[in-house]
Amino acid sequence: MLTFKFNKDNTACVVTDCDQNVTGTVTIPDTYSGKDVVGIGKDAFNGCKNMTDVIIPDSIKKIGNRAFSFCTGLTNIVIPDSVKTAGEGIFISCTSLKSVVLSYGISAERI
């Protein structure tokens, strides 16, 4: 369901893709193959139309551009305090989005 990419020194990883046929709630794990999951890559969930919620762990520090764009079924999301940066357009065309809770001190380009 989720695809991960390890960093160059193999100490951590990021979510790079999600099966677009996913439905309901998606939980991002805080570790994968024994490594911390520290980011959500650009376009990682783009077009997951039937995903309604995403649970983001405290291990996530960065969310890439358009990470959740065109997730038309997404209704609520909580961005934990661990997230320090979020890229542009992470919620483009999320037409069902009712609630976004952002962490204090997040640096966002143009959410």
PDB file of N, CA and C in Angstrom:
ATOM      1  N   MET A   1       0.815  -1.190   0.000  1.00  0.00           N
ATOM      2  CA  MET A   1       0.000   0.000   0.000  1.00  0.00           C
ATOM      3  C   MET A   1       0.865   1.264   0.000  1.00  0.00           C
ATOM      4  N   LEU A   2       1.912   1.357   0.844  1.00  0.00           N
ATOM      5  CA  LEU A   2       2.832   2.491   0.853  1.00  0.00           C
ATOM      6  C   LEU A   2       4.180   2.057   0.301  1.00  0.00           C
ATOM      7  N   THR A   3       4.851   2.982  -0.391  1.00  0.00           N
ATOM      8  CA  THR A   3       6.187   2.743  -0.913  1.00  0.00           C
ATOM      9  C   THR A   3       7.141   3.686  -0.193  1.00  0.00           C
ATOM     10  N   PHE A   4       8.317   3.182   0.158  1.00  0.00           N
ATOM     11  CA  PHE A   4       9.297   3.957   0.912  1.00  0.00           C
ATOM     12  C   PHE A   4      10.605   4.030   0.147  1.00  0.00           C
ATOM     13  N   LYS A   5      11.361   5.107   0.395  1.00  0.00           N
ATOM     14  CA  LYS A   5      12.693   5.251  -0.179  1.00  0.00           C
ATOM     15  C   LYS A   5      13.642   5.596   0.966  1.00  0.00           C
ATOM     16  N   PHE A   6      14.753   4.869   1.037  1.00  0.00           N
ATOM     17  CA  PHE A   6      15.751   5.108   2.076  1.00  0.00           C
ATOM     18  C   PHE A   6      16.679   6.244   1.663  1.00  0.00           C
ATOM     19  N   ASN A   7      17.165   6.989   2.656  1.00  0.00           N
ATOM     20  CA  ASN A   7      18.127   8.047   2.359  1.00  0.00           C
ATOM     21  C   ASN A   7      19.471   7.426   1.983  1.00  0.00           C
ATOM     22  N   LYS A   8      20.404   8.263   1.550  1.00  0.00           N
ATOM     23  CA  LYS A   8      21.688   7.774   1.020  1.00  0.00           C
ATOM     24  C   LYS A   8      22.492   6.955   2.013  1.00  0.00           C
ATOM     25  N   ASP A   9      22.444   7.343   3.291  1.00  0.00           N
ATOM     26  CA  ASP A   9      23.219   6.585   4.272  1.00  0.00           C
ATOM     27  C   ASP A   9      22.399   5.495   4.962  1.00  0.00           C
ATOM     28  N   ASN A  10      21.189   5.242   4.449  1.00  0.00           N
ATOM     29  CA  ASN A  10      20.335   4.140   4.905  1.00  0.00           C
ATOM     30  C   ASN A  10      19.978   4.216   6.396  1.00  0.00           C
ATOM     31  N   THR A  11      19.816   5.441   6.892  1.00  0.00           N
ATOM     32  CA  THR A  11      19.483   5.604   8.310  1.00  0.00           C
ATOM     33  C   THR A  11      18.022   5.962   8.542  1.00  0.00           C
ATOM     34  N   ALA A  12      17.326   6.364   7.488  1.00  0.00           N
ATOM     35  CA  ALA A  12      15.920   6.769   7.599  1.00  0.00           C
ATOM     36  C   ALA A  12      15.263   6.638   6.232  1.00  0.00           C
ATOM     37  N   CYS A  13      13.947   6.840   6.183  1.00  0.00           N
ATOM     38  CA  CYS A  13      13.250   6.741   4.903  1.00  0.00           C
ATOM     39  C   CYS A  13      12.070   7.710   4.850  1.00  0.00           C
ATOM     40  N   VAL A  14      11.534   7.882   3.638  1.00  0.00           N
ATOM     41  CA  VAL A  14      10.365   8.724   3.414  1.00  0.00           C
ATOM     42  C   VAL A  14       9.317   7.925   2.653  1.00  0.00           C
ATOM     43  N   VAL A  15       8.059   8.298   2.814  1.00  0.00           N
ATOM     44  CA  VAL A  15       6.973   7.716   2.032  1.00  0.00           C
ATOM     45  C   VAL A  15       7.015   8.386   0.667  1.00  0.00           C
ATOM     46  N   THR A  16       7.085   7.600  -0.401  1.00  0.00           N
ATOM     47  CA  THR A  16       7.171   8.174  -1.746  1.00  0.00           C
ATOM     48  C   THR A  16       5.918   7.945  -2.579  1.00  0.00           C
ATOM     49  N   ASP A  17       5.100   6.970  -2.191  1.00  0.00           N
ATOM     50  CA  ASP A  17       3.928   6.653  -3.011  1.00  0.00           C
ATOM     51  C   ASP A  17       2.924   5.855  -2.184  1.00  0.00           C
ATOM     52  N   CYS A  18       1.671   5.944  -2.617  1.00  0.00           N
ATOM     53  CA  CYS A  18       0.593   5.181  -1.997  1.00  0.00           C
ATOM     54  C   CYS A  18      -0.293   4.629  -3.104  1.00  0.00           C
ATOM     55  N   ASP A  19      -0.773   3.422  -2.940  1.00  0.00           N
ATOM     56  CA  ASP A  19      -1.692   2.821  -3.892  1.00  0.00           C
ATOM     57  C   ASP A  19      -2.923   3.711  -4.014  1.00  0.00           C
ATOM     58  N   GLN A  20      -3.207   4.203  -5.192  1.00  0.00           N
ATOM     59  CA  GLN A  20      -4.325   5.128  -5.384  1.00  0.00           C
ATOM     60  C   GLN A  20      -5.688   4.487  -5.143  1.00  0.00           C
ATOM     61  N   ASN A  21      -5.758   3.195  -5.029  1.00  0.00           N
ATOM     62  CA  ASN A  21      -7.024   2.522  -4.739  1.00  0.00           C
ATOM     63  C   ASN A  21      -7.293   2.373  -3.253  1.00  0.00           C
ATOM     64  N   VAL A  22      -6.417   2.938  -2.407  1.00  0.00           N
ATOM     65  CA  VAL A  22      -6.591   2.840  -0.966  1.00  0.00           C
ATOM     66  C   VAL A  22      -7.913   3.502  -0.559  1.00  0.00           C
ATOM     67  N   THR A  23      -8.558   2.927   0.447  1.00  0.00           N
ATOM     68  CA  THR A  23      -9.809   3.494   0.949  1.00  0.00           C
ATOM     69  C   THR A  23      -9.728   3.685   2.460  1.00  0.00           C
ATOM     70  N   GLY A  24     -10.506   4.636   2.974  1.00  0.00           N
ATOM     71  CA  GLY A  24     -10.594   4.851   4.413  1.00  0.00           C
ATOM     72  C   GLY A  24      -9.361   5.514   4.985  1.00  0.00           C
ATOM     73  N   THR A  25      -8.982   5.068   6.175  1.00  0.00           N
ATOM     74  CA  THR A  25      -7.868   5.651   6.916  1.00  0.00           C
ATOM     75  C   THR A  25      -6.551   4.989   6.540  1.00  0.00           C
ATOM     76  N   VAL A  26      -5.533   5.800   6.303  1.00  0.00           N
ATOM     77  CA  VAL A  26      -4.183   5.316   6.042  1.00  0.00           C
ATOM     78  C   VAL A  26      -3.315   5.732   7.224  1.00  0.00           C
ATOM     79  N   THR A  27      -2.610   4.774   7.787  1.00  0.00           N
ATOM     80  CA  THR A  27      -1.704   5.045   8.893  1.00  0.00           C
ATOM     81  C   THR A  27      -0.274   4.933   8.402  1.00  0.00           C
ATOM     82  N   ILE A  28       0.468   6.019   8.518  1.00  0.00           N
ATOM     83  CA  ILE A  28       1.883   6.005   8.160  1.00  0.00           C
ATOM     84  C   ILE A  28       2.639   5.466   9.370  1.00  0.00           C
ATOM     85  N   PRO A  29       3.441   4.429   9.201  1.00  0.00           N
ATOM     86  CA  PRO A  29       4.178   3.886  10.345  1.00  0.00           C
ATOM     87  C   PRO A  29       5.313   4.821  10.751  1.00  0.00           C
ATOM     88  N   ASP A  30       5.744   4.737  12.003  1.00  0.00           N
ATOM     89  CA  ASP A  30       6.876   5.565  12.427  1.00  0.00           C
ATOM     90  C   ASP A  30       8.209   4.930  12.054  1.00  0.00           C
ATOM     91  N   THR A  31       8.205   3.626  11.761  1.00  0.00           N
ATOM     92  CA  THR A  31       9.406   2.953  11.270  1.00  0.00           C
ATOM     93  C   THR A  31       9.038   2.029  10.109  1.00  0.00           C
ATOM     94  N   TYR A  32      10.014   1.753   9.267  1.00  0.00           N
ATOM     95  CA  TYR A  32       9.876   0.808   8.168  1.00  0.00           C
ATOM     96  C   TYR A  32      11.210   0.089   8.024  1.00  0.00           C
ATOM     97  N   SER A  33      11.184  -1.211   8.060  1.00  0.00           N
ATOM     98  CA  SER A  33      12.402  -2.027   7.988  1.00  0.00           C
ATOM     99  C   SER A  33      13.437  -1.571   9.009  1.00  0.00           C
ATOM    100  N   GLY A  34      12.970  -1.204  10.190  1.00  0.00           N
ATOM    101  CA  GLY A  34      13.859  -0.816  11.271  1.00  0.00           C
ATOM    102  C   GLY A  34      14.408   0.598  11.193  1.00  0.00           C
ATOM    103  N   LYS A  35      13.971   1.380  10.211  1.00  0.00           N
ATOM    104  CA  LYS A  35      14.450   2.761  10.043  1.00  0.00           C
ATOM    105  C   LYS A  35      13.291   3.734  10.298  1.00  0.00           C
ATOM    106  N   ASP A  36      13.619   4.902  10.868  1.00  0.00           N
ATOM    107  CA  ASP A  36      12.597   5.922  11.102  1.00  0.00           C
ATOM    108  C   ASP A  36      12.037   6.433   9.787  1.00  0.00           C
ATOM    109  N   VAL A  37      10.730   6.635   9.745  1.00  0.00           N
ATOM    110  CA  VAL A  37      10.070   7.277   8.608  1.00  0.00           C
ATOM    111  C   VAL A  37      10.031   8.761   8.948  1.00  0.00           C
ATOM    112  N   VAL A  38      10.807   9.571   8.220  1.00  0.00           N
ATOM    113  CA  VAL A  38      10.999  10.971   8.593  1.00  0.00           C
ATOM    114  C   VAL A  38      10.334  11.976   7.661  1.00  0.00           C
ATOM    115  N   GLY A  39       9.756  11.506   6.563  1.00  0.00           N
ATOM    116  CA  GLY A  39       9.144  12.453   5.641  1.00  0.00           C
ATOM    117  C   GLY A  39       8.076  11.830   4.761  1.00  0.00           C
ATOM    118  N   ILE A  40       7.312  12.712   4.162  1.00  0.00           N
ATOM    119  CA  ILE A  40       6.319  12.335   3.154  1.00  0.00           C
ATOM    120  C   ILE A  40       6.753  13.066   1.891  1.00  0.00           C
ATOM    121  N   GLY A  41       7.106  12.314   0.876  1.00  0.00           N
ATOM    122  CA  GLY A  41       7.646  12.886  -0.353  1.00  0.00           C
ATOM    123  C   GLY A  41       6.626  13.623  -1.193  1.00  0.00           C
ATOM    124  N   LYS A  42       7.130  14.390  -2.155  1.00  0.00           N
ATOM    125  CA  LYS A  42       6.244  15.139  -3.041  1.00  0.00           C
ATOM    126  C   LYS A  42       5.339  14.174  -3.798  1.00  0.00           C
ATOM    127  N   ASP A  43       4.077  14.549  -3.899  1.00  0.00           N
ATOM    128  CA  ASP A  43       3.057  13.775  -4.619  1.00  0.00           C
ATOM    129  C   ASP A  43       2.810  12.379  -4.043  1.00  0.00           C
ATOM    130  N   ALA A  44       3.261  12.096  -2.841  1.00  0.00           N
ATOM    131  CA  ALA A  44       3.175  10.742  -2.279  1.00  0.00           C
ATOM    132  C   ALA A  44       1.755  10.185  -2.244  1.00  0.00           C
ATOM    133  N   PHE A  45       0.779  11.001  -1.906  1.00  0.00           N
ATOM    134  CA  PHE A  45      -0.608  10.543  -1.821  1.00  0.00           C
ATOM    135  C   PHE A  45      -1.480  11.175  -2.904  1.00  0.00           C
ATOM    136  N   ASN A  46      -0.880  11.860  -3.835  1.00  0.00           N
ATOM    137  CA  ASN A  46      -1.598  12.574  -4.893  1.00  0.00           C
ATOM    138  C   ASN A  46      -2.592  11.644  -5.595  1.00  0.00           C
ATOM    139  N   GLY A  47      -3.853  12.037  -5.590  1.00  0.00           N
ATOM    140  CA  GLY A  47      -4.886  11.293  -6.308  1.00  0.00           C
ATOM    141  C   GLY A  47      -5.502  10.129  -5.568  1.00  0.00           C
ATOM    142  N   CYS A  48      -5.200   9.975  -4.287  1.00  0.00           N
ATOM    143  CA  CYS A  48      -5.831   8.906  -3.491  1.00  0.00           C
ATOM    144  C   CYS A  48      -7.243   9.378  -3.116  1.00  0.00           C
ATOM    145  N   LYS A  49      -8.156   9.261  -4.027  1.00  0.00           N
ATOM    146  CA  LYS A  49      -9.486   9.864  -3.917  1.00  0.00           C
ATOM    147  C   LYS A  49     -10.380   9.251  -2.847  1.00  0.00           C
ATOM    148  N   ASN A  50     -10.154   8.016  -2.480  1.00  0.00           N
ATOM    149  CA  ASN A  50     -11.026   7.352  -1.502  1.00  0.00           C
ATOM    150  C   ASN A  50     -10.420   7.279  -0.106  1.00  0.00           C
ATOM    151  N   MET A  51      -9.267   7.900   0.073  1.00  0.00           N
ATOM    152  CA  MET A  51      -8.646   7.976   1.390  1.00  0.00           C
ATOM    153  C   MET A  51      -9.364   9.081   2.160  1.00  0.00           C
ATOM    154  N   THR A  52      -9.854   8.766   3.361  1.00  0.00           N
ATOM    155  CA  THR A  52     -10.606   9.746   4.138  1.00  0.00           C
ATOM    156  C   THR A  52      -9.791  10.402   5.243  1.00  0.00           C
ATOM    157  N   ASP A  53      -8.827   9.697   5.793  1.00  0.00           N
ATOM    158  CA  ASP A  53      -8.005  10.205   6.879  1.00  0.00           C
ATOM    159  C   ASP A  53      -6.587   9.669   6.733  1.00  0.00           C
ATOM    160  N   VAL A  54      -5.632  10.438   7.264  1.00  0.00           N
ATOM    161  CA  VAL A  54      -4.241  10.005   7.304  1.00  0.00           C
ATOM    162  C   VAL A  54      -3.752  10.202   8.726  1.00  0.00           C
ATOM    163  N   ILE A  55      -3.151   9.173   9.289  1.00  0.00           N
ATOM    164  CA  ILE A  55      -2.555   9.285  10.611  1.00  0.00           C
ATOM    165  C   ILE A  55      -1.057   9.419  10.409  1.00  0.00           C
ATOM    166  N   ILE A  56      -0.533  10.580  10.815  1.00  0.00           N
ATOM    167  CA  ILE A  56       0.879  10.905  10.620  1.00  0.00           C
ATOM    168  C   ILE A  56       1.607  10.771  11.955  1.00  0.00           C
ATOM    169  N   PRO A  57       2.659   9.950  12.007  1.00  0.00           N
ATOM    170  CA  PRO A  57       3.382   9.755  13.274  1.00  0.00           C
ATOM    171  C   PRO A  57       4.289  10.939  13.612  1.00  0.00           C
ATOM    172  N   ASP A  58       4.710  10.996  14.849  1.00  0.00           N
ATOM    173  CA  ASP A  58       5.604  12.054  15.320  1.00  0.00           C
ATOM    174  C   ASP A  58       7.008  11.960  14.736  1.00  0.00           C
ATOM    175  N   SER A  59       7.320  10.899  14.017  1.00  0.00           N
ATOM    176  CA  SER A  59       8.647  10.770  13.404  1.00  0.00           C
ATOM    177  C   SER A  59       8.775  11.634  12.138  1.00  0.00           C
ATOM    178  N   ILE A  60       7.652  12.051  11.564  1.00  0.00           N
ATOM    179  CA  ILE A  60       7.662  12.837  10.325  1.00  0.00           C
ATOM    180  C   ILE A  60       8.117  14.259  10.608  1.00  0.00           C
ATOM    181  N   LYS A  61       9.095  14.739   9.803  1.00  0.00           N
ATOM    182  CA  LYS A  61       9.635  16.077   9.982  1.00  0.00           C
ATOM    183  C   LYS A  61       9.354  16.997   8.796  1.00  0.00           C
ATOM    184  N   LYS A  62       9.074  16.407   7.627  1.00  0.00           N
ATOM    185  CA  LYS A  62       8.882  17.208   6.417  1.00  0.00           C
ATOM    186  C   LYS A  62       7.803  16.584   5.539  1.00  0.00           C
ATOM    187  N   ILE A  63       6.994  17.450   4.933  1.00  0.00           N
ATOM    188  CA  ILE A  63       5.982  17.016   3.972  1.00  0.00           C
ATOM    189  C   ILE A  63       6.279  17.727   2.660  1.00  0.00           C
ATOM    190  N   GLY A  64       6.416  16.951   1.593  1.00  0.00           N
ATOM    191  CA  GLY A  64       6.792  17.500   0.292  1.00  0.00           C
ATOM    192  C   GLY A  64       5.648  18.150  -0.462  1.00  0.00           C
ATOM    193  N   ASN A  65       5.993  18.853  -1.529  1.00  0.00           N
ATOM    194  CA  ASN A  65       5.020  19.531  -2.387  1.00  0.00           C
ATOM    195  C   ASN A  65       3.922  18.577  -2.857  1.00  0.00           C
ATOM    196  N   ARG A  66       2.707  19.070  -2.831  1.00  0.00           N
ATOM    197  CA  ARG A  66       1.515  18.362  -3.351  1.00  0.00           C
ATOM    198  C   ARG A  66       1.310  16.975  -2.737  1.00  0.00           C
ATOM    199  N   ALA A  67       1.808  16.754  -1.537  1.00  0.00           N
ATOM    200  CA  ALA A  67       1.766  15.423  -0.913  1.00  0.00           C
ATOM    201  C   ALA A  67       0.367  14.829  -0.862  1.00  0.00           C
ATOM    202  N   PHE A  68      -0.645  15.644  -0.607  1.00  0.00           N
ATOM    203  CA  PHE A  68      -2.018  15.141  -0.491  1.00  0.00           C
ATOM    204  C   PHE A  68      -2.948  15.745  -1.543  1.00  0.00           C
ATOM    205  N   SER A  69      -2.404  16.327  -2.589  1.00  0.00           N
ATOM    206  CA  SER A  69      -3.241  16.982  -3.592  1.00  0.00           C
ATOM    207  C   SER A  69      -4.158  15.978  -4.294  1.00  0.00           C
ATOM    208  N   PHE A  70      -5.327  16.461  -4.637  1.00  0.00           N
ATOM    209  CA  PHE A  70      -6.351  15.675  -5.333  1.00  0.00           C
ATOM    210  C   PHE A  70      -6.838  14.466  -4.533  1.00  0.00           C
ATOM    211  N   CYS A  71      -6.702  14.539  -3.217  1.00  0.00           N
ATOM    212  CA  CYS A  71      -7.284  13.519  -2.329  1.00  0.00           C
ATOM    213  C   CYS A  71      -8.689  14.012  -1.991  1.00  0.00           C
ATOM    214  N   THR A  72      -9.604  13.828  -2.921  1.00  0.00           N
ATOM    215  CA  THR A  72     -10.932  14.432  -2.814  1.00  0.00           C
ATOM    216  C   THR A  72     -11.797  13.843  -1.705  1.00  0.00           C
ATOM    217  N   GLY A  73     -11.424  12.698  -1.161  1.00  0.00           N
ATOM    218  CA  GLY A  73     -12.174  12.108  -0.053  1.00  0.00           C
ATOM    219  C   GLY A  73     -11.613  12.456   1.313  1.00  0.00           C
ATOM    220  N   LEU A  74     -10.432  13.094   1.349  1.00  0.00           N
ATOM    221  CA  LEU A  74      -9.787  13.447   2.611  1.00  0.00           C
ATOM    222  C   LEU A  74     -10.627  14.482   3.349  1.00  0.00           C
ATOM    223  N   THR A  75     -11.000  14.172   4.601  1.00  0.00           N
ATOM    224  CA  THR A  75     -11.860  15.076   5.360  1.00  0.00           C
ATOM    225  C   THR A  75     -11.151  15.786   6.503  1.00  0.00           C
ATOM    226  N   ASN A  76     -10.245  15.118   7.186  1.00  0.00           N
ATOM    227  CA  ASN A  76      -9.556  15.690   8.352  1.00  0.00           C
ATOM    228  C   ASN A  76      -8.115  15.232   8.372  1.00  0.00           C
ATOM    229  N   ILE A  77      -7.239  16.106   8.860  1.00  0.00           N
ATOM    230  CA  ILE A  77      -5.843  15.718   8.988  1.00  0.00           C
ATOM    231  C   ILE A  77      -5.205  16.517  10.128  1.00  0.00           C
ATOM    232  N   VAL A  78      -4.368  15.840  10.879  1.00  0.00           N
ATOM    233  CA  VAL A  78      -3.609  16.478  11.948  1.00  0.00           C
ATOM    234  C   VAL A  78      -2.131  16.355  11.594  1.00  0.00           C
ATOM    235  N   ILE A  79      -1.466  17.499  11.478  1.00  0.00           N
ATOM    236  CA  ILE A  79      -0.038  17.523  11.205  1.00  0.00           C
ATOM    237  C   ILE A  79       0.651  17.643  12.568  1.00  0.00           C
ATOM    238  N   PRO A  80       1.423  16.635  12.989  1.00  0.00           N
ATOM    239  CA  PRO A  80       2.016  16.664  14.327  1.00  0.00           C
ATOM    240  C   PRO A  80       3.083  17.745  14.489  1.00  0.00           C
ATOM    241  N   ASP A  81       3.386  18.080  15.735  1.00  0.00           N
ATOM    242  CA  ASP A  81       4.388  19.101  16.054  1.00  0.00           C
ATOM    243  C   ASP A  81       5.775  18.774  15.522  1.00  0.00           C
ATOM    244  N   SER A  82       6.040  17.520  15.235  1.00  0.00           N
ATOM    245  CA  SER A  82       7.353  17.127  14.722  1.00  0.00           C
ATOM    246  C   SER A  82       7.609  17.668  13.312  1.00  0.00           C
ATOM    247  N   VAL A  83       6.538  17.962  12.568  1.00  0.00           N
ATOM    248  CA  VAL A  83       6.673  18.464  11.196  1.00  0.00           C
ATOM    249  C   VAL A  83       7.101  19.927  11.251  1.00  0.00           C
ATOM    250  N   LYS A  84       8.253  20.209  10.666  1.00  0.00           N
ATOM    251  CA  LYS A  84       8.794  21.568  10.682  1.00  0.00           C
ATOM    252  C   LYS A  84       8.626  22.290   9.360  1.00  0.00           C
ATOM    253  N   THR A  85       8.507  21.544   8.244  1.00  0.00           N
ATOM    254  CA  THR A  85       8.311  22.180   6.941  1.00  0.00           C
ATOM    255  C   THR A  85       7.283  21.415   6.125  1.00  0.00           C
ATOM    256  N   ALA A  86       6.522  22.185   5.354  1.00  0.00           N
ATOM    257  CA  ALA A  86       5.536  21.613   4.435  1.00  0.00           C
ATOM    258  C   ALA A  86       5.673  22.343   3.105  1.00  0.00           C
ATOM    259  N   GLY A  87       5.669  21.587   2.038  1.00  0.00           N
ATOM    260  CA  GLY A  87       5.847  22.165   0.714  1.00  0.00           C
ATOM    261  C   GLY A  87       4.607  22.853   0.182  1.00  0.00           C
ATOM    262  N   GLU A  88       4.710  23.323  -1.038  1.00  0.00           N
ATOM    263  CA  GLU A  88       3.615  24.025  -1.700  1.00  0.00           C
ATOM    264  C   GLU A  88       2.475  23.085  -2.053  1.00  0.00           C
ATOM    265  N   GLY A  89       1.269  23.588  -1.959  1.00  0.00           N
ATOM    266  CA  GLY A  89       0.089  22.918  -2.482  1.00  0.00           C
ATOM    267  C   GLY A  89      -0.217  21.551  -1.921  1.00  0.00           C
ATOM    268  N   ILE A  90       0.090  21.319  -0.649  1.00  0.00           N
ATOM    269  CA  ILE A  90      -0.103  19.964  -0.130  1.00  0.00           C
ATOM    270  C   ILE A  90      -1.568  19.549  -0.095  1.00  0.00           C
ATOM    271  N   PHE A  91      -2.492  20.513  -0.146  1.00  0.00           N
ATOM    272  CA  PHE A  91      -3.924  20.175  -0.113  1.00  0.00           C
ATOM    273  C   PHE A  91      -4.683  20.669  -1.348  1.00  0.00           C
ATOM    274  N   ILE A  92      -4.018  20.834  -2.480  1.00  0.00           N
ATOM    275  CA  ILE A  92      -4.689  21.279  -3.707  1.00  0.00           C
ATOM    276  C   ILE A  92      -5.815  20.304  -4.057  1.00  0.00           C
ATOM    277  N   SER A  93      -6.986  20.845  -4.330  1.00  0.00           N
ATOM    278  CA  SER A  93      -8.176  20.084  -4.763  1.00  0.00           C
ATOM    279  C   SER A  93      -8.615  19.006  -3.774  1.00  0.00           C
ATOM    280  N   CYS A  94      -8.387  19.237  -2.499  1.00  0.00           N
ATOM    281  CA  CYS A  94      -8.931  18.356  -1.452  1.00  0.00           C
ATOM    282  C   CYS A  94     -10.313  18.912  -1.100  1.00  0.00           C
ATOM    283  N   THR A  95     -11.268  18.642  -1.953  1.00  0.00           N
ATOM    284  CA  THR A  95     -12.581  19.292  -1.897  1.00  0.00           C
ATOM    285  C   THR A  95     -13.445  18.896  -0.708  1.00  0.00           C
ATOM    286  N   SER A  96     -13.132  17.805  -0.025  1.00  0.00           N
ATOM    287  CA  SER A  96     -13.918  17.372   1.139  1.00  0.00           C
ATOM    288  C   SER A  96     -13.254  17.740   2.463  1.00  0.00           C
ATOM    289  N   LEU A  97     -12.098  18.387   2.399  1.00  0.00           N
ATOM    290  CA  LEU A  97     -11.328  18.696   3.599  1.00  0.00           C
ATOM    291  C   LEU A  97     -12.075  19.700   4.480  1.00  0.00           C
ATOM    292  N   LYS A  98     -12.343  19.284   5.706  1.00  0.00           N
ATOM    293  CA  LYS A  98     -13.086  20.115   6.653  1.00  0.00           C
ATOM    294  C   LYS A  98     -12.202  20.660   7.756  1.00  0.00           C
ATOM    295  N   SER A  99     -11.144  19.917   8.137  1.00  0.00           N
ATOM    296  CA  SER A  99     -10.314  20.312   9.270  1.00  0.00           C
ATOM    297  C   SER A  99      -8.855  19.957   9.022  1.00  0.00           C
ATOM    298  N   VAL A 100      -7.987  20.965   9.213  1.00  0.00           N
ATOM    299  CA  VAL A 100      -6.544  20.765   9.156  1.00  0.00           C
ATOM    300  C   VAL A 100      -5.975  21.343  10.438  1.00  0.00           C
ATOM    301  N   VAL A 101      -5.303  20.526  11.221  1.00  0.00           N
ATOM    302  CA  VAL A 101      -4.641  20.989  12.437  1.00  0.00           C
ATOM    303  C   VAL A 101      -3.151  20.987  12.160  1.00  0.00           C
ATOM    304  N   LEU A 102      -2.547  22.188  12.205  1.00  0.00           N
ATOM    305  CA  LEU A 102      -1.120  22.335  11.932  1.00  0.00           C
ATOM    306  C   LEU A 102      -0.348  22.499  13.220  1.00  0.00           C
ATOM    307  N   SER A 103       0.886  22.050  13.199  1.00  0.00           N
ATOM    308  CA  SER A 103       1.738  22.194  14.372  1.00  0.00           C
ATOM    309  C   SER A 103       2.160  23.646  14.533  1.00  0.00           C
ATOM    310  N   TYR A 104       2.426  24.024  15.744  1.00  0.00           N
ATOM    311  CA  TYR A 104       2.909  25.361  16.039  1.00  0.00           C
ATOM    312  C   TYR A 104       4.330  25.489  15.514  1.00  0.00           C
ATOM    313  N   GLY A 105       4.610  26.559  14.790  1.00  0.00           N
ATOM    314  CA  GLY A 105       5.961  26.794  14.325  1.00  0.00           C
ATOM    315  C   GLY A 105       6.290  26.139  12.997  1.00  0.00           C
ATOM    316  N   ILE A 106       5.306  25.583  12.294  1.00  0.00           N
ATOM    317  CA  ILE A 106       5.573  24.955  11.007  1.00  0.00           C
ATOM    318  C   ILE A 106       5.927  26.039   9.984  1.00  0.00           C
ATOM    319  N   SER A 107       6.873  25.748   9.155  1.00  0.00           N
ATOM    320  CA  SER A 107       7.259  26.647   8.066  1.00  0.00           C
ATOM    321  C   SER A 107       6.631  26.092   6.794  1.00  0.00           C
ATOM    322  N   ALA A 108       5.662  26.813   6.261  1.00  0.00           N
ATOM    323  CA  ALA A 108       4.952  26.339   5.082  1.00  0.00           C
ATOM    324  C   ALA A 108       5.141  27.324   3.938  1.00  0.00           C
ATOM    325  N   GLU A 109       5.342  26.783   2.745  1.00  0.00           N
ATOM    326  CA  GLU A 109       5.509  27.649   1.573  1.00  0.00           C
ATOM    327  C   GLU A 109       4.157  28.240   1.192  1.00  0.00           C
ATOM    328  N   ARG A 110       3.279  27.469   0.630  1.00  0.00           N
ATOM    329  CA  ARG A 110       1.922  27.893   0.306  1.00  0.00           C
ATOM    330  C   ARG A 110       1.030  26.681   0.393  1.00  0.00           C
ATOM    331  N   ILE A 111       0.518  26.426   1.577  1.00  0.00           N
ATOM    332  CA  ILE A 111      -0.322  25.259   1.783  1.00  0.00           C
ATOM    333  C   ILE A 111      -1.612  25.477   1.066  1.00  0.00           C
TER     334      ILE A 111
END
